[in-house]
Structures are given as structure tokens and as C-alpha cells.
Amino acid sequence: MEKINNFAKNLAEERRARNISQRKLAEYLNVDSSLVYQWEHEKCEPALDTLCKISEYFDLPVDELLGIEAPYNSRKNQDTENKKKMQIF
């Protein structure tokens, strides 16, 4: 459930920071404004295709909207370390 909490908070904060009403966002997404309210109040989550549209609308990566910190650098570093180990053998 943590993803819902982060998404709800992040969506509301991003929308407010850009001075966008729930109705305006809903119109862009072609959904009822009550659905935007429900997302922001942790009642439900958007469908994946809608999440992608929200991401495009705000020009933000989906993982940022969800509040997920992608360990890209740590994975990249791990891959580099694995390659070094393989070269030793």
C-alpha cells in the first residue's frame, strides 16, 4: 500500500504546484474529476495506461510519480563489479 500513499501525495502536490484543478487534469485524462479525487485520497489507483498519461501530462517519470527511488546507480555499479570479477577468472 505504500505505493498508493506515495502516488496520492505526489499527484496532489504536483497538481497543486502547477495550479491545475482536478477537473482540468480529469478532462485531459478523459475521466471524471471524482476519480482524480479518489486517487489523491488513496481510494484507488489509476490504470497503467492512465498512469502513463499522467506521467506525460506532468512530464515526469512514472517512478517519480509513484515515489520509487530506482537504484539505477547501484545496479550499474553492481554490473561493473560483476564484469570485473568475470575478468579475473
N, C-alpha and C. Protein backbone atom coordinates (compact mmCIF):
# COMPACT_ATOMS: atom_id res chain seq x y z
N MET A 1 0.81 -1.21 0.00
CA MET A 1 0.00 0.00 0.00
C MET A 1 0.84 1.27 0.00
N GLU A 2 2.11 1.16 0.26
CA GLU A 2 2.95 2.34 0.31
C GLU A 2 2.98 3.08 -1.03
N LYS A 3 2.95 2.35 -2.15
CA LYS A 3 2.96 2.99 -3.46
C LYS A 3 1.73 3.87 -3.64
N ILE A 4 0.57 3.41 -3.15
CA ILE A 4 -0.63 4.22 -3.27
C ILE A 4 -0.45 5.52 -2.50
N ASN A 5 0.06 5.43 -1.28
CA ASN A 5 0.26 6.62 -0.46
C ASN A 5 1.20 7.60 -1.15
N ASN A 6 2.31 7.11 -1.68
CA ASN A 6 3.25 7.99 -2.36
C ASN A 6 2.63 8.59 -3.60
N PHE A 7 1.94 7.79 -4.38
CA PHE A 7 1.32 8.30 -5.59
C PHE A 7 0.30 9.37 -5.25
N ALA A 8 -0.57 9.09 -4.30
CA ALA A 8 -1.61 10.04 -3.93
C ALA A 8 -1.01 11.38 -3.52
N LYS A 9 -0.03 11.33 -2.67
CA LYS A 9 0.64 12.54 -2.19
C LYS A 9 1.35 13.26 -3.33
N ASN A 10 2.09 12.51 -4.13
CA ASN A 10 2.86 13.12 -5.22
C ASN A 10 1.95 13.73 -6.28
N LEU A 11 0.86 13.04 -6.61
CA LEU A 11 -0.07 13.58 -7.60
C LEU A 11 -0.68 14.89 -7.10
N ALA A 12 -1.16 14.89 -5.88
CA ALA A 12 -1.78 16.10 -5.33
C ALA A 12 -0.78 17.25 -5.26
N GLU A 13 0.43 16.97 -4.80
CA GLU A 13 1.44 18.03 -4.68
C GLU A 13 1.83 18.58 -6.05
N GLU A 14 2.02 17.69 -7.01
CA GLU A 14 2.41 18.13 -8.36
C GLU A 14 1.29 18.94 -9.01
N ARG A 15 0.08 18.49 -8.85
CA ARG A 15 -1.06 19.20 -9.43
C ARG A 15 -1.21 20.59 -8.82
N ARG A 16 -1.10 20.66 -7.51
CA ARG A 16 -1.24 21.96 -6.82
C ARG A 16 -0.08 22.90 -7.15
N ALA A 17 1.12 22.35 -7.22
CA ALA A 17 2.30 23.17 -7.51
C ALA A 17 2.18 23.83 -8.89
N ARG A 18 1.49 23.16 -9.79
CA ARG A 18 1.32 23.70 -11.15
C ARG A 18 -0.02 24.43 -11.30
N ASN A 19 -0.74 24.54 -10.19
CA ASN A 19 -2.01 25.27 -10.18
C ASN A 19 -3.02 24.67 -11.18
N ILE A 20 -3.11 23.36 -11.17
CA ILE A 20 -4.01 22.64 -12.07
C ILE A 20 -5.15 22.06 -11.23
N SER A 21 -6.36 22.29 -11.65
CA SER A 21 -7.51 21.76 -10.91
C SER A 21 -7.68 20.27 -11.20
N GLN A 22 -8.38 19.61 -10.29
CA GLN A 22 -8.69 18.20 -10.51
C GLN A 22 -9.52 18.07 -11.79
N ARG A 23 -10.40 18.99 -12.01
CA ARG A 23 -11.26 18.95 -13.20
C ARG A 23 -10.44 19.06 -14.49
N LYS A 24 -9.46 19.97 -14.50
CA LYS A 24 -8.63 20.15 -15.70
C LYS A 24 -7.83 18.88 -15.99
N LEU A 25 -7.24 18.29 -14.95
CA LEU A 25 -6.50 17.05 -15.13
C LEU A 25 -7.42 15.94 -15.61
N ALA A 26 -8.58 15.86 -15.02
CA ALA A 26 -9.57 14.84 -15.41
C ALA A 26 -9.97 15.00 -16.87
N GLU A 27 -10.16 16.22 -17.31
CA GLU A 27 -10.53 16.46 -18.70
C GLU A 27 -9.43 15.98 -19.65
N TYR A 28 -8.19 16.26 -19.30
CA TYR A 28 -7.07 15.81 -20.13
C TYR A 28 -7.02 14.28 -20.20
N LEU A 29 -7.30 13.64 -19.07
CA LEU A 29 -7.24 12.18 -18.99
C LEU A 29 -8.52 11.51 -19.48
N ASN A 30 -9.54 12.31 -19.74
CA ASN A 30 -10.84 11.81 -20.17
C ASN A 30 -11.47 10.88 -19.11
N VAL A 31 -11.40 11.36 -17.87
CA VAL A 31 -12.02 10.65 -16.75
C VAL A 31 -12.84 11.65 -15.95
N ASP A 32 -13.67 11.17 -15.05
CA ASP A 32 -14.45 12.04 -14.18
C ASP A 32 -13.53 12.64 -13.12
N SER A 33 -13.79 13.88 -12.76
CA SER A 33 -12.94 14.55 -11.76
C SER A 33 -13.00 13.86 -10.41
N SER A 34 -14.09 13.15 -10.13
CA SER A 34 -14.18 12.43 -8.86
C SER A 34 -13.12 11.32 -8.79
N LEU A 35 -12.71 10.83 -9.94
CA LEU A 35 -11.67 9.80 -9.96
C LEU A 35 -10.32 10.38 -9.55
N VAL A 36 -10.02 11.58 -9.99
CA VAL A 36 -8.79 12.25 -9.57
C VAL A 36 -8.81 12.45 -8.05
N TYR A 37 -9.95 12.86 -7.54
CA TYR A 37 -10.12 13.00 -6.09
C TYR A 37 -9.83 11.68 -5.38
N GLN A 38 -10.37 10.59 -5.92
CA GLN A 38 -10.17 9.28 -5.30
C GLN A 38 -8.70 8.88 -5.32
N TRP A 39 -8.00 9.15 -6.41
CA TRP A 39 -6.56 8.84 -6.46
C TRP A 39 -5.81 9.62 -5.39
N GLU A 40 -6.14 10.90 -5.25
CA GLU A 40 -5.43 11.76 -4.30
C GLU A 40 -5.77 11.45 -2.85
N HIS A 41 -6.87 10.74 -2.64
CA HIS A 41 -7.28 10.39 -1.27
C HIS A 41 -7.18 8.89 -1.01
N GLU A 42 -6.32 8.24 -1.81
CA GLU A 42 -5.96 6.83 -1.59
C GLU A 42 -7.15 5.88 -1.65
N LYS A 43 -8.15 6.23 -2.41
CA LYS A 43 -9.32 5.36 -2.54
C LYS A 43 -9.10 4.29 -3.61
N CYS A 44 -8.30 4.61 -4.62
CA CYS A 44 -7.99 3.67 -5.69
C CYS A 44 -6.76 4.17 -6.44
N GLU A 45 -6.29 3.35 -7.37
CA GLU A 45 -5.15 3.71 -8.19
C GLU A 45 -5.60 3.82 -9.65
N PRO A 46 -4.89 4.63 -10.43
CA PRO A 46 -5.24 4.70 -11.85
C PRO A 46 -4.77 3.44 -12.58
N ALA A 47 -5.41 3.16 -13.70
CA ALA A 47 -4.95 2.07 -14.56
C ALA A 47 -3.58 2.44 -15.12
N LEU A 48 -2.85 1.44 -15.56
CA LEU A 48 -1.49 1.66 -16.06
C LEU A 48 -1.46 2.66 -17.21
N ASP A 49 -2.38 2.54 -18.16
CA ASP A 49 -2.38 3.48 -19.28
C ASP A 49 -2.68 4.90 -18.82
N THR A 50 -3.52 5.03 -17.81
CA THR A 50 -3.81 6.35 -17.25
C THR A 50 -2.61 6.90 -16.50
N LEU A 51 -1.93 6.04 -15.78
CA LEU A 51 -0.72 6.45 -15.08
C LEU A 51 0.31 6.99 -16.07
N CYS A 52 0.43 6.34 -17.21
CA CYS A 52 1.35 6.81 -18.26
C CYS A 52 0.93 8.17 -18.79
N LYS A 53 -0.37 8.39 -18.95
CA LYS A 53 -0.88 9.68 -19.41
C LYS A 53 -0.59 10.78 -18.38
N ILE A 54 -0.75 10.44 -17.10
CA ILE A 54 -0.45 11.41 -16.04
C ILE A 54 1.03 11.77 -16.08
N SER A 55 1.86 10.78 -16.27
CA SER A 55 3.30 10.98 -16.37
C SER A 55 3.64 11.92 -17.53
N GLU A 56 3.01 11.69 -18.67
CA GLU A 56 3.22 12.55 -19.84
C GLU A 56 2.72 13.97 -19.57
N TYR A 57 1.57 14.09 -18.94
CA TYR A 57 0.98 15.40 -18.67
C TYR A 57 1.91 16.26 -17.82
N PHE A 58 2.47 15.65 -16.78
CA PHE A 58 3.36 16.39 -15.89
C PHE A 58 4.82 16.34 -16.32
N ASP A 59 5.09 15.61 -17.39
CA ASP A 59 6.46 15.43 -17.89
C ASP A 59 7.38 14.91 -16.77
N LEU A 60 6.88 13.88 -16.10
CA LEU A 60 7.63 13.24 -15.00
C LEU A 60 7.68 11.74 -15.25
N PRO A 61 8.76 11.10 -14.86
CA PRO A 61 8.80 9.63 -14.97
C PRO A 61 7.77 9.00 -14.03
N VAL A 62 7.23 7.88 -14.44
CA VAL A 62 6.24 7.17 -13.63
C VAL A 62 6.81 6.84 -12.25
N ASP A 63 8.06 6.39 -12.20
CA ASP A 63 8.63 6.03 -10.90
C ASP A 63 8.68 7.22 -9.95
N GLU A 64 8.85 8.41 -10.49
CA GLU A 64 8.84 9.60 -9.63
C GLU A 64 7.43 9.87 -9.11
N LEU A 65 6.43 9.71 -9.97
CA LEU A 65 5.05 9.87 -9.51
C LEU A 65 4.71 8.87 -8.41
N LEU A 66 5.23 7.65 -8.56
CA LEU A 66 4.95 6.61 -7.57
C LEU A 66 5.82 6.75 -6.32
N GLY A 67 6.83 7.61 -6.39
CA GLY A 67 7.72 7.78 -5.24
C GLY A 67 8.72 6.67 -5.11
N ILE A 68 9.04 6.04 -6.23
CA ILE A 68 10.00 4.93 -6.21
C ILE A 68 11.37 5.48 -6.56
N GLU A 69 12.32 5.22 -5.70
CA GLU A 69 13.69 5.61 -5.98
C GLU A 69 14.38 4.44 -6.66
N ALA A 70 14.58 4.57 -7.96
CA ALA A 70 15.20 3.49 -8.72
C ALA A 70 16.68 3.42 -8.38
N PRO A 71 17.13 2.27 -7.96
CA PRO A 71 18.55 2.13 -7.61
C PRO A 71 19.40 1.93 -8.87
N TYR A 72 19.22 2.80 -9.86
CA TYR A 72 19.92 2.66 -11.13
C TYR A 72 21.43 2.65 -10.93
N ASN A 73 21.91 3.62 -10.18
CA ASN A 73 23.36 3.71 -10.00
C ASN A 73 23.90 2.50 -9.27
N SER A 74 23.18 2.01 -8.28
CA SER A 74 23.67 0.84 -7.56
C SER A 74 23.65 -0.40 -8.44
N ARG A 75 22.63 -0.51 -9.32
CA ARG A 75 22.60 -1.63 -10.26
C ARG A 75 23.73 -1.51 -11.27
N LYS A 76 23.98 -0.30 -11.74
CA LYS A 76 25.04 -0.06 -12.70
C LYS A 76 26.39 -0.41 -12.08
N ASN A 77 26.58 0.04 -10.83
CA ASN A 77 27.83 -0.27 -10.14
C ASN A 77 27.98 -1.76 -9.92
N GLN A 78 26.88 -2.45 -9.60
CA GLN A 78 26.93 -3.89 -9.39
C GLN A 78 27.30 -4.60 -10.69
N ASP A 79 26.74 -4.14 -11.81
CA ASP A 79 27.08 -4.73 -13.11
C ASP A 79 28.56 -4.55 -13.41
N THR A 80 29.08 -3.38 -13.11
CA THR A 80 30.51 -3.11 -13.34
C THR A 80 31.36 -4.03 -12.48
N GLU A 81 30.98 -4.20 -11.22
CA GLU A 81 31.72 -5.08 -10.33
C GLU A 81 31.67 -6.53 -10.82
N ASN A 82 30.51 -6.96 -11.27
CA ASN A 82 30.38 -8.32 -11.79
C ASN A 82 31.27 -8.55 -13.01
N LYS A 83 31.34 -7.56 -13.88
CA LYS A 83 32.20 -7.67 -15.06
C LYS A 83 33.67 -7.75 -14.66
N LYS A 84 34.05 -6.98 -13.66
CA LYS A 84 35.43 -7.02 -13.18
C LYS A 84 35.75 -8.40 -12.62
N LYS A 85 34.83 -8.96 -11.86
CA LYS A 85 35.05 -10.29 -11.28
C LYS A 85 35.19 -11.32 -12.37
N MET A 86 34.40 -11.20 -13.42
CA MET A 86 34.45 -12.15 -14.52
C MET A 86 35.79 -12.05 -15.26
N GLN A 87 36.38 -10.88 -15.31
CA GLN A 87 37.66 -10.70 -16.00
C GLN A 87 38.80 -11.33 -15.22
N ILE A 88 38.65 -11.43 -13.93
CA ILE A 88 39.68 -12.04 -13.09
C ILE A 88 39.82 -13.51 -13.42
N PHE A 89 38.72 -14.16 -13.65
CA PHE A 89 38.75 -15.60 -13.95
C PHE A 89 39.10 -15.76 -15.38
